N, C-alpha and C. Protein backbone atom coordinates (compact mmCIF):
# COMPACT_ATOMS: atom_id res chain seq x y z
N MET A 1 0.82 -1.20 0.00
CA MET A 1 0.00 0.00 0.00
C MET A 1 0.87 1.26 0.00
N LYS A 2 2.04 1.19 0.65
CA LYS A 2 2.90 2.36 0.69
C LYS A 2 3.35 2.78 -0.70
N SER A 3 3.66 1.80 -1.56
CA SER A 3 4.15 2.15 -2.90
C SER A 3 3.05 2.76 -3.77
N PHE A 4 1.81 2.54 -3.44
CA PHE A 4 0.71 3.08 -4.22
C PHE A 4 0.52 4.58 -3.98
N LEU A 5 0.77 5.05 -2.77
CA LEU A 5 0.54 6.44 -2.42
C LEU A 5 1.34 7.41 -3.28
N PRO A 6 2.66 7.23 -3.45
CA PRO A 6 3.38 8.19 -4.30
C PRO A 6 2.84 8.20 -5.74
N PHE A 7 2.48 7.03 -6.26
CA PHE A 7 1.93 6.97 -7.61
C PHE A 7 0.61 7.74 -7.67
N ALA A 8 -0.24 7.52 -6.69
CA ALA A 8 -1.54 8.19 -6.67
C ALA A 8 -1.37 9.71 -6.59
N LEU A 9 -0.43 10.17 -5.78
CA LEU A 9 -0.18 11.60 -5.67
C LEU A 9 0.36 12.17 -6.96
N ALA A 10 1.29 11.47 -7.58
CA ALA A 10 1.86 11.93 -8.84
C ALA A 10 0.79 11.96 -9.93
N PHE A 11 -0.05 10.93 -9.98
CA PHE A 11 -1.11 10.85 -10.98
C PHE A 11 -2.12 11.98 -10.80
N SER A 12 -2.54 12.21 -9.56
CA SER A 12 -3.53 13.26 -9.33
C SER A 12 -2.93 14.64 -9.59
N SER A 13 -1.65 14.83 -9.30
CA SER A 13 -1.00 16.10 -9.60
C SER A 13 -0.92 16.32 -11.10
N ALA A 14 -0.60 15.26 -11.84
CA ALA A 14 -0.53 15.38 -13.30
C ALA A 14 -1.89 15.74 -13.87
N LEU A 15 -2.94 15.13 -13.37
CA LEU A 15 -4.28 15.45 -13.85
C LEU A 15 -4.67 16.88 -13.49
N THR A 16 -4.32 17.29 -12.28
CA THR A 16 -4.66 18.63 -11.83
C THR A 16 -3.96 19.67 -12.68
N PHE A 17 -2.66 19.51 -12.88
CA PHE A 17 -1.93 20.50 -13.66
C PHE A 17 -2.25 20.38 -15.14
N GLY A 18 -2.54 19.19 -15.60
CA GLY A 18 -2.94 19.01 -16.99
C GLY A 18 -4.27 19.68 -17.28
N ALA A 19 -5.16 19.67 -16.30
CA ALA A 19 -6.47 20.29 -16.46
C ALA A 19 -6.35 21.81 -16.52
N CYS A 20 -5.23 22.35 -16.05
CA CYS A 20 -5.03 23.79 -16.05
C CYS A 20 -4.48 24.31 -17.38
N ALA A 21 -4.16 23.40 -18.29
CA ALA A 21 -3.66 23.83 -19.58
C ALA A 21 -4.71 24.72 -20.25
N SER A 22 -4.25 25.81 -20.82
CA SER A 22 -5.17 26.77 -21.41
C SER A 22 -5.62 26.31 -22.79
N ALA A 23 -6.88 26.40 -23.01
CA ALA A 23 -7.46 26.10 -24.31
C ALA A 23 -8.57 27.11 -24.57
N VAL A 24 -8.80 27.37 -25.81
CA VAL A 24 -9.88 28.28 -26.21
C VAL A 24 -10.75 27.57 -27.23
N TYR A 25 -11.98 28.02 -27.34
CA TYR A 25 -12.89 27.50 -28.34
C TYR A 25 -13.05 28.57 -29.42
N VAL A 26 -13.02 28.13 -30.65
CA VAL A 26 -13.17 29.06 -31.76
C VAL A 26 -14.29 28.58 -32.67
N LYS A 27 -14.95 29.56 -33.29
CA LYS A 27 -16.01 29.27 -34.25
C LYS A 27 -16.02 30.43 -35.23
N SER A 28 -15.82 30.12 -36.48
CA SER A 28 -15.73 31.15 -37.50
C SER A 28 -16.97 32.05 -37.48
N GLY A 29 -16.71 33.35 -37.46
CA GLY A 29 -17.80 34.32 -37.52
C GLY A 29 -18.56 34.52 -36.22
N SER A 30 -18.07 33.96 -35.11
CA SER A 30 -18.79 34.06 -33.86
C SER A 30 -18.10 35.04 -32.90
N THR A 31 -18.79 35.39 -31.85
CA THR A 31 -18.27 36.35 -30.87
C THR A 31 -18.08 35.68 -29.51
N ASN A 32 -17.39 36.37 -28.64
CA ASN A 32 -17.19 35.88 -27.28
C ASN A 32 -18.53 35.78 -26.55
N ALA A 33 -19.41 36.73 -26.80
CA ALA A 33 -20.73 36.71 -26.17
C ALA A 33 -21.52 35.47 -26.60
N ALA A 34 -21.41 35.11 -27.88
CA ALA A 34 -22.09 33.91 -28.37
C ALA A 34 -21.52 32.67 -27.71
N PHE A 35 -20.20 32.64 -27.55
CA PHE A 35 -19.58 31.50 -26.88
C PHE A 35 -20.08 31.39 -25.44
N GLN A 36 -20.11 32.49 -24.73
CA GLN A 36 -20.56 32.47 -23.34
C GLN A 36 -21.99 31.96 -23.22
N ARG A 37 -22.87 32.37 -24.13
CA ARG A 37 -24.26 31.89 -24.11
C ARG A 37 -24.31 30.39 -24.36
N GLU A 38 -23.57 29.94 -25.38
CA GLU A 38 -23.63 28.52 -25.74
C GLU A 38 -22.92 27.64 -24.70
N GLU A 39 -21.86 28.16 -24.09
CA GLU A 39 -21.20 27.41 -23.02
C GLU A 39 -22.13 27.26 -21.82
N LEU A 40 -22.83 28.33 -21.45
CA LEU A 40 -23.78 28.26 -20.35
C LEU A 40 -24.89 27.26 -20.65
N ASP A 41 -25.37 27.27 -21.90
CA ASP A 41 -26.39 26.31 -22.32
C ASP A 41 -25.86 24.88 -22.14
N CYS A 42 -24.61 24.65 -22.53
CA CYS A 42 -24.03 23.31 -22.39
C CYS A 42 -23.85 22.93 -20.92
N GLN A 43 -23.51 23.89 -20.08
CA GLN A 43 -23.38 23.62 -18.64
C GLN A 43 -24.73 23.23 -18.05
N VAL A 44 -25.78 23.91 -18.47
CA VAL A 44 -27.13 23.58 -18.00
C VAL A 44 -27.50 22.16 -18.45
N LYS A 45 -27.22 21.85 -19.72
CA LYS A 45 -27.51 20.52 -20.24
C LYS A 45 -26.72 19.45 -19.48
N ALA A 46 -25.47 19.76 -19.13
CA ALA A 46 -24.66 18.82 -18.36
C ALA A 46 -25.29 18.55 -17.00
N GLY A 47 -25.80 19.60 -16.36
CA GLY A 47 -26.48 19.44 -15.08
C GLY A 47 -27.75 18.61 -15.21
N GLN A 48 -28.49 18.84 -16.28
CA GLN A 48 -29.71 18.08 -16.51
C GLN A 48 -29.42 16.60 -16.79
N ALA A 49 -28.23 16.35 -17.36
CA ALA A 49 -27.84 14.97 -17.67
C ALA A 49 -27.24 14.27 -16.45
N GLY A 50 -27.12 15.00 -15.34
CA GLY A 50 -26.62 14.39 -14.10
C GLY A 50 -25.17 14.68 -13.80
N TYR A 51 -24.51 15.46 -14.64
CA TYR A 51 -23.11 15.84 -14.38
C TYR A 51 -23.11 17.10 -13.52
N VAL A 52 -22.70 16.96 -12.27
CA VAL A 52 -22.68 18.09 -11.37
C VAL A 52 -21.27 18.27 -10.81
N THR A 53 -20.96 19.48 -10.37
CA THR A 53 -19.64 19.77 -9.82
C THR A 53 -19.57 19.35 -8.36
N GLY A 54 -18.35 19.24 -7.86
CA GLY A 54 -18.15 18.96 -6.44
C GLY A 54 -18.25 17.51 -6.05
N GLN A 55 -18.17 16.59 -7.01
CA GLN A 55 -18.28 15.17 -6.67
C GLN A 55 -16.98 14.42 -6.93
N GLY A 56 -15.87 15.12 -7.06
CA GLY A 56 -14.59 14.46 -7.26
C GLY A 56 -14.03 14.67 -8.65
N LEU A 57 -12.81 14.19 -8.84
CA LEU A 57 -12.07 14.42 -10.06
C LEU A 57 -12.68 13.72 -11.28
N ILE A 58 -12.99 12.46 -11.16
CA ILE A 58 -13.50 11.70 -12.31
C ILE A 58 -14.85 12.25 -12.79
N PRO A 59 -15.82 12.50 -11.90
CA PRO A 59 -17.07 13.11 -12.37
C PRO A 59 -16.86 14.49 -13.00
N GLU A 60 -15.91 15.26 -12.48
CA GLU A 60 -15.64 16.59 -13.03
C GLU A 60 -15.06 16.47 -14.44
N LEU A 61 -14.17 15.52 -14.65
CA LEU A 61 -13.62 15.31 -15.98
C LEU A 61 -14.71 14.88 -16.97
N ALA A 62 -15.63 14.04 -16.51
CA ALA A 62 -16.74 13.60 -17.36
C ALA A 62 -17.65 14.78 -17.70
N ARG A 63 -17.88 15.66 -16.73
CA ARG A 63 -18.71 16.85 -16.95
C ARG A 63 -18.06 17.76 -17.99
N LYS A 64 -16.75 17.96 -17.85
CA LYS A 64 -16.04 18.83 -18.80
C LYS A 64 -16.05 18.23 -20.20
N LYS A 65 -15.94 16.91 -20.29
CA LYS A 65 -16.00 16.25 -21.60
C LYS A 65 -17.38 16.42 -22.22
N PHE A 66 -18.42 16.29 -21.41
CA PHE A 66 -19.79 16.48 -21.90
C PHE A 66 -19.95 17.89 -22.46
N ILE A 67 -19.47 18.89 -21.72
CA ILE A 67 -19.58 20.29 -22.16
C ILE A 67 -18.78 20.50 -23.44
N SER A 68 -17.59 19.93 -23.51
CA SER A 68 -16.76 20.06 -24.71
C SER A 68 -17.47 19.46 -25.92
N GLN A 69 -18.05 18.28 -25.76
CA GLN A 69 -18.77 17.64 -26.86
C GLN A 69 -20.00 18.45 -27.26
N CYS A 70 -20.66 19.01 -26.30
CA CYS A 70 -21.83 19.85 -26.56
C CYS A 70 -21.42 21.07 -27.40
N LEU A 71 -20.31 21.70 -27.04
CA LEU A 71 -19.82 22.85 -27.79
C LEU A 71 -19.39 22.44 -29.20
N ASN A 72 -18.78 21.26 -29.33
CA ASN A 72 -18.37 20.76 -30.65
C ASN A 72 -19.58 20.59 -31.56
N VAL A 73 -20.67 20.07 -31.01
CA VAL A 73 -21.89 19.88 -31.79
C VAL A 73 -22.42 21.23 -32.30
N GLN A 74 -22.20 22.27 -31.53
CA GLN A 74 -22.67 23.61 -31.91
C GLN A 74 -21.68 24.34 -32.82
N GLY A 75 -20.61 23.65 -33.22
CA GLY A 75 -19.67 24.23 -34.17
C GLY A 75 -18.41 24.82 -33.58
N TRP A 76 -18.22 24.72 -32.27
CA TRP A 76 -17.02 25.24 -31.63
C TRP A 76 -15.91 24.20 -31.67
N THR A 77 -14.68 24.64 -31.89
CA THR A 77 -13.52 23.78 -31.94
C THR A 77 -12.54 24.22 -30.86
N GLU A 78 -12.07 23.26 -30.07
CA GLU A 78 -11.12 23.56 -29.00
C GLU A 78 -9.71 23.61 -29.58
N GLN A 79 -8.99 24.68 -29.25
CA GLN A 79 -7.61 24.83 -29.68
C GLN A 79 -6.74 25.23 -28.51
N ASP A 80 -5.48 24.78 -28.54
CA ASP A 80 -4.54 25.20 -27.50
C ASP A 80 -4.31 26.70 -27.62
N GLN A 81 -4.26 27.34 -26.46
CA GLN A 81 -4.03 28.78 -26.44
C GLN A 81 -2.55 29.03 -26.59
N LYS A 82 -2.18 29.88 -27.50
CA LYS A 82 -0.77 30.21 -27.71
C LYS A 82 -0.36 31.29 -26.73
N SER A 83 0.74 31.05 -26.03
CA SER A 83 1.21 32.02 -25.03
C SER A 83 1.98 33.14 -25.70
């Protein structure tokens, strides 16, 4: 059990810092206001589908994936943010 703890800490740290990577969504001819409306709509749909925040890392990752897929369906494409 002792050898599992360092692995678990390293894995959770990698996920935490990996989740902080900056990404933006783009859609030709659209505005930031349109993105904010559609993202909020996707967040509401995620909640209605049972994905809620505050239930741990794995459910949060699933919620974010749901929102990302919802935005993709609406024509938004996720791109890495250039520093």
